[in-house]
Structures are given as structure tokens and as C-alpha cells.
Amino acid sequence: VQENGPNSLSLVFTDFLGDYDDDRIRSLLEDLLENRDFFWRPTAAAALSRQGRTEHRELFLQFLGDTLWGVREACLQGLTALADPDTAEAIRPHLADPVYDVRAAAARALHALGDPAGLPVLVEALSNTTRWFEIDYGQKAREDALEFLQSLSGQDFGFKPWESSDRRAAGLDRWHRWMTDRDPDWQSKVPPTARSRTDD
């Protein structure tokens, strides 16, 4: 890195660094995250987040507002691992992030703190119909949200994320009723950026 610069590191190798419990490597990953010219900053952030070390709390908080959604997501994952109640206020605004992956990471981080504020966002994601060049990217969001919600409820209510919207409708209605039983006002708590529409 000293001879050829940080961009001599590959994405795979940058990710691999997160598996090492070594202060020098952690320092390198911190530098890579802070280097705006480094190609794989989201990967460096994710590598740090997997280590779950309290000394990175302020670094994760600092980069929650990063322009790269992958960095925001990874920092939220790092805060999830720390489970520090004092970070909830900083996490909550990211339920309104324009990117589903970041919203979901915020919902999980809050849930780890015993805060259910992100559940409406995840239930709403079951209606995600994002399409790009006729590819159903919303299915990824639907599958991801279902996996987490199912881990909480022990149910899937017959909802199959990969099926057509007509075939998903009955299961979606059951999920809505499940959420309404927990919070009758849940739909009003879904941020406009999280409502079912095309994501970035």
C-alpha cells in the first residue's frame, strides 16, 4: 500500500482484512474508510463493522451521512454489533434513507436496541416493486424484509416474495394485519422515502 497506494488493494482483499484481529490492519481499514479516493470504501467499512469493536463507534457515527449508501449501510451494521443505546437517536433518521438496504440496516440496528420503530419500514418493504430495465429488484427487498420479519414472528403468512403481485396479495394482507395488531398507526409512521415506489 505504501509503494503503490491504497487502490492497489482489490475489493476481495479489502474484505478479507476484516477477518484479522490485528491493530495494524484495523488502522489501515480506518484510513481506507476515511480516504475519499479509495475505490472500495464500503468494503472497508463493512470489514471494520464485522469486528464489532467499541473504539469504532464514533467512526461509524461520523460516516452515517456518507454519500455512498454502502458506507452508510456498513456503519449501521457496525452500530448493530455494538448495541449501544446512546446511538439510537443517530440511527433513527436512516429509516428514511432513499435506499432500501440502508433503511433495513437502520431497522435492524434499532431492533437490536429494543426499539421497534423500524418494523413499519420492513413491513412496507414487502410491497416493494422496484423495477429497472424490467428486472424485479424489489424482490430482493421483499425477500430480505421477509427473512427478518419471519425471524421475529415465526411466520411467513404464506407470503412468497418471488410470486406475482396478485399471488402475494393475501400473504401481504396478513402481514399488514400482524403489524396493525402491534401498532394500529404503523402506516402513518412509514417515511415517504420508504413507501412502495421505485428505489434508487
Protein backbone atom coordinates (compact mmCIF):
# COMPACT_ATOMS: atom_id res chain seq x y z
CA VAL A 1 0.00 0.00 0.00
CA GLN A 2 2.84 2.39 0.86
CA GLU A 3 4.52 1.79 -2.50
CA ASN A 4 1.52 1.51 -4.83
CA GLY A 5 -1.22 3.39 -3.00
CA PRO A 6 -4.46 2.11 -1.45
CA ASN A 7 -6.13 1.45 -4.79
CA SER A 8 -3.66 -1.34 -5.40
CA LEU A 9 -5.84 -3.34 -2.96
CA SER A 10 -8.60 -5.42 -4.51
CA LEU A 11 -12.17 -5.45 -3.25
CA VAL A 12 -11.83 -9.09 -2.17
CA PHE A 13 -8.59 -8.47 -0.28
CA THR A 14 -10.06 -5.39 1.44
CA ASP A 15 -12.97 -7.50 2.65
CA PHE A 16 -10.55 -10.23 3.76
CA LEU A 17 -8.78 -7.76 6.06
CA GLY A 18 -11.84 -7.66 8.29
CA ASP A 19 -11.19 -11.25 9.35
CA TYR A 20 -7.92 -10.33 11.10
CA ASP A 21 -7.78 -9.28 14.73
CA ASP A 22 -4.77 -7.01 14.38
CA ASP A 23 -4.39 -3.36 15.39
CA ARG A 24 -2.28 -2.51 12.34
CA ILE A 25 -4.90 -3.89 9.99
CA ARG A 26 -7.66 -2.06 11.83
CA SER A 27 -5.69 1.16 11.48
CA LEU A 28 -5.33 0.51 7.76
CA LEU A 29 -9.07 -0.11 7.38
CA GLU A 30 -9.80 3.12 9.24
CA ASP A 31 -7.52 5.00 6.87
CA LEU A 32 -9.18 3.36 3.85
CA LEU A 33 -12.65 4.32 5.06
CA GLU A 34 -11.56 7.91 5.58
CA ASN A 35 -9.81 8.11 2.19
CA ARG A 36 -12.40 9.56 -0.23
CA ASP A 37 -10.27 8.45 -3.18
CA PHE A 38 -10.22 4.77 -2.20
CA PHE A 39 -12.27 2.65 -4.58
CA TRP A 40 -13.66 0.18 -2.00
CA ARG A 41 -14.68 2.39 0.94
CA PRO A 42 -17.97 0.50 1.55
CA THR A 43 -15.99 -2.75 1.73
CA ALA A 44 -13.52 -1.22 4.21
CA ALA A 45 -16.45 -0.03 6.35
CA ALA A 46 -18.04 -3.49 6.23
CA ALA A 47 -14.74 -5.12 7.20
CA LEU A 48 -14.50 -2.85 10.24
CA SER A 49 -18.14 -3.41 11.15
CA ARG A 50 -17.62 -7.17 11.36
CA GLN A 51 -15.05 -6.67 14.08
CA GLY A 52 -17.62 -5.10 16.42
CA ARG A 53 -15.14 -3.04 18.40
CA THR A 54 -16.31 -0.18 20.60
CA GLU A 55 -13.44 2.09 19.53
CA HIS A 56 -15.07 2.38 16.11
CA ARG A 57 -18.33 3.77 17.50
CA GLU A 58 -17.50 7.39 16.71
CA LEU A 59 -16.12 6.47 13.29
CA PHE A 60 -19.35 4.67 12.40
CA LEU A 61 -21.42 7.60 13.63
CA GLN A 62 -19.26 10.02 11.67
CA PHE A 63 -19.87 8.20 8.38
CA LEU A 64 -23.59 7.60 8.76
CA GLY A 65 -24.09 10.59 6.48
CA ASP A 66 -21.68 9.42 3.79
CA THR A 67 -22.64 9.95 0.17
CA LEU A 68 -22.08 6.24 -0.59
CA TRP A 69 -25.03 4.16 0.55
CA GLY A 70 -22.78 1.12 1.04
CA VAL A 71 -20.78 3.05 3.63
CA ARG A 72 -23.96 4.12 5.43
CA GLU A 73 -25.24 0.54 5.47
CA ALA A 74 -21.93 -0.86 6.77
CA CYS A 75 -21.71 1.75 9.54
CA LEU A 76 -25.23 0.87 10.66
CA GLN A 77 -24.24 -2.79 10.72
CA GLY A 78 -21.26 -1.86 12.88
CA LEU A 79 -23.51 0.00 15.29
CA THR A 80 -25.85 -3.01 15.38
CA ALA A 81 -22.96 -5.13 16.60
CA LEU A 82 -22.17 -2.61 19.34
CA ALA A 83 -25.80 -2.38 20.53
CA ASP A 84 -25.16 0.95 22.27
CA PRO A 85 -28.47 2.56 23.32
CA ASP A 86 -26.91 6.02 23.02
CA THR A 87 -26.68 5.60 19.23
CA ALA A 88 -30.44 5.18 18.69
CA GLU A 89 -31.05 8.88 18.05
CA ALA A 90 -28.40 8.92 15.32
CA ILE A 91 -29.71 5.72 13.74
CA ARG A 92 -33.43 6.54 13.62
CA PRO A 93 -33.29 9.13 10.78
CA HIS A 94 -31.89 6.46 8.47
CA LEU A 95 -35.25 4.73 8.42
CA ALA A 96 -35.99 7.42 5.82
CA ASP A 97 -32.89 6.77 3.71
CA PRO A 98 -33.67 6.69 -0.04
CA VAL A 99 -32.02 3.25 -0.36
CA TYR A 100 -33.77 0.15 1.00
CA ASP A 101 -30.58 -1.56 2.17
CA VAL A 102 -29.79 1.38 4.44
CA ARG A 103 -33.34 1.57 5.79
CA ALA A 104 -33.26 -2.14 6.57
CA ALA A 105 -29.89 -1.83 8.32
CA ALA A 106 -31.29 1.01 10.44
CA ALA A 107 -34.36 -1.07 11.31
CA ARG A 108 -32.17 -3.98 12.41
CA ALA A 109 -29.88 -1.71 14.41
CA LEU A 110 -32.84 -0.23 16.27
CA HIS A 111 -34.35 -3.65 16.88
CA ALA A 112 -31.05 -4.74 18.46
CA LEU A 113 -31.61 -1.87 20.91
CA GLY A 114 -35.17 -2.98 21.67
CA ASP A 115 -36.68 -0.22 19.53
CA PRO A 116 -39.41 -1.43 17.12
CA ALA A 117 -39.51 1.83 15.13
CA GLY A 118 -38.13 0.12 12.03
CA LEU A 119 -40.77 -2.60 11.77
CA PRO A 120 -43.19 -0.46 9.72
CA VAL A 121 -40.42 0.17 7.20
CA LEU A 122 -39.76 -3.57 6.83
CA VAL A 123 -43.44 -4.46 6.50
CA GLU A 124 -43.80 -1.74 3.87
CA ALA A 125 -40.84 -3.25 2.01
CA LEU A 126 -42.94 -6.38 1.40
CA SER A 127 -44.76 -4.21 -1.16
CA ASN A 128 -41.58 -3.07 -2.89
CA THR A 129 -41.97 -3.31 -6.66
CA THR A 130 -38.77 -1.61 -7.79
CA ARG A 131 -38.02 -2.43 -11.41
CA TRP A 132 -35.07 -1.46 -13.55
CA PHE A 133 -34.97 -2.46 -17.20
CA GLU A 134 -37.79 -4.90 -16.43
CA ILE A 135 -35.76 -6.62 -13.71
CA ASP A 136 -37.64 -7.01 -10.41
CA TYR A 137 -35.14 -5.60 -7.94
CA GLY A 138 -37.98 -5.22 -5.47
CA GLN A 139 -37.85 -8.97 -4.96
CA LYS A 140 -34.51 -8.60 -3.17
CA ALA A 141 -36.06 -6.12 -0.74
CA ARG A 142 -39.13 -8.32 -0.27
CA GLU A 143 -37.00 -11.38 0.44
CA ASP A 144 -34.73 -9.51 2.83
CA ALA A 145 -37.60 -7.94 4.77
CA LEU A 146 -39.46 -11.25 4.98
CA GLU A 147 -36.41 -13.07 6.33
CA PHE A 148 -36.08 -10.62 9.23
CA LEU A 149 -39.81 -10.37 9.96
CA GLN A 150 -40.13 -14.14 9.89
CA SER A 151 -37.31 -14.39 12.45
CA LEU A 152 -39.42 -12.22 14.76
CA SER A 153 -42.84 -13.75 14.20
CA GLY A 154 -42.02 -17.35 13.36
CA GLN A 155 -44.48 -16.99 10.47
CA ASP A 156 -44.37 -16.25 6.77
CA PHE A 157 -48.17 -15.99 6.41
CA GLY A 158 -47.94 -17.65 3.02
CA PHE A 159 -46.12 -14.67 1.55
CA LYS A 160 -43.80 -15.68 -1.29
CA PRO A 161 -41.61 -12.72 -2.36
CA TRP A 162 -40.91 -14.15 -5.80
CA GLU A 163 -44.54 -14.64 -6.80
CA SER A 164 -46.63 -12.19 -8.80
CA SER A 165 -48.28 -9.27 -7.02
CA ASP A 166 -51.68 -10.95 -7.29
CA ARG A 167 -50.41 -14.13 -5.67
CA ARG A 168 -48.59 -12.15 -2.97
CA ALA A 169 -51.67 -10.13 -2.03
CA ALA A 170 -53.21 -12.49 0.53
CA GLY A 171 -49.96 -13.00 2.41
CA LEU A 172 -49.25 -9.27 2.29
CA ASP A 173 -52.64 -8.58 3.84
CA ARG A 174 -51.83 -11.00 6.67
CA TRP A 175 -48.53 -9.20 7.30
CA HIS A 176 -50.37 -5.88 7.40
CA ARG A 177 -52.78 -7.28 9.96
CA TRP A 178 -49.84 -8.63 12.01
CA MET A 179 -48.28 -5.17 12.03
CA THR A 180 -51.60 -3.48 12.80
CA ASP A 181 -52.03 -5.75 15.84
CA ARG A 182 -48.68 -4.47 17.09
CA ASP A 183 -49.21 -0.83 16.11
CA PRO A 184 -52.55 0.36 14.67
CA ASP A 185 -50.89 3.54 13.37
CA TRP A 186 -47.93 1.87 11.71
CA GLN A 187 -48.70 3.03 8.18
CA SER A 188 -48.53 6.68 9.20
CA LYS A 189 -45.04 6.03 10.58
CA VAL A 190 -43.58 4.88 7.25
CA PRO A 191 -41.40 7.72 5.91
CA PRO A 192 -42.30 8.97 2.42
CA THR A 193 -38.97 7.71 1.07
CA ALA A 194 -39.80 4.21 2.33
CA ARG A 195 -43.24 3.96 0.77
CA SER A 196 -43.64 1.49 -2.04
CA ARG A 197 -42.15 3.07 -5.11
CA THR A 198 -39.03 2.83 -7.23
CA ASP A 199 -35.89 2.99 -5.11
CA ASP A 200 -32.54 4.40 -6.19
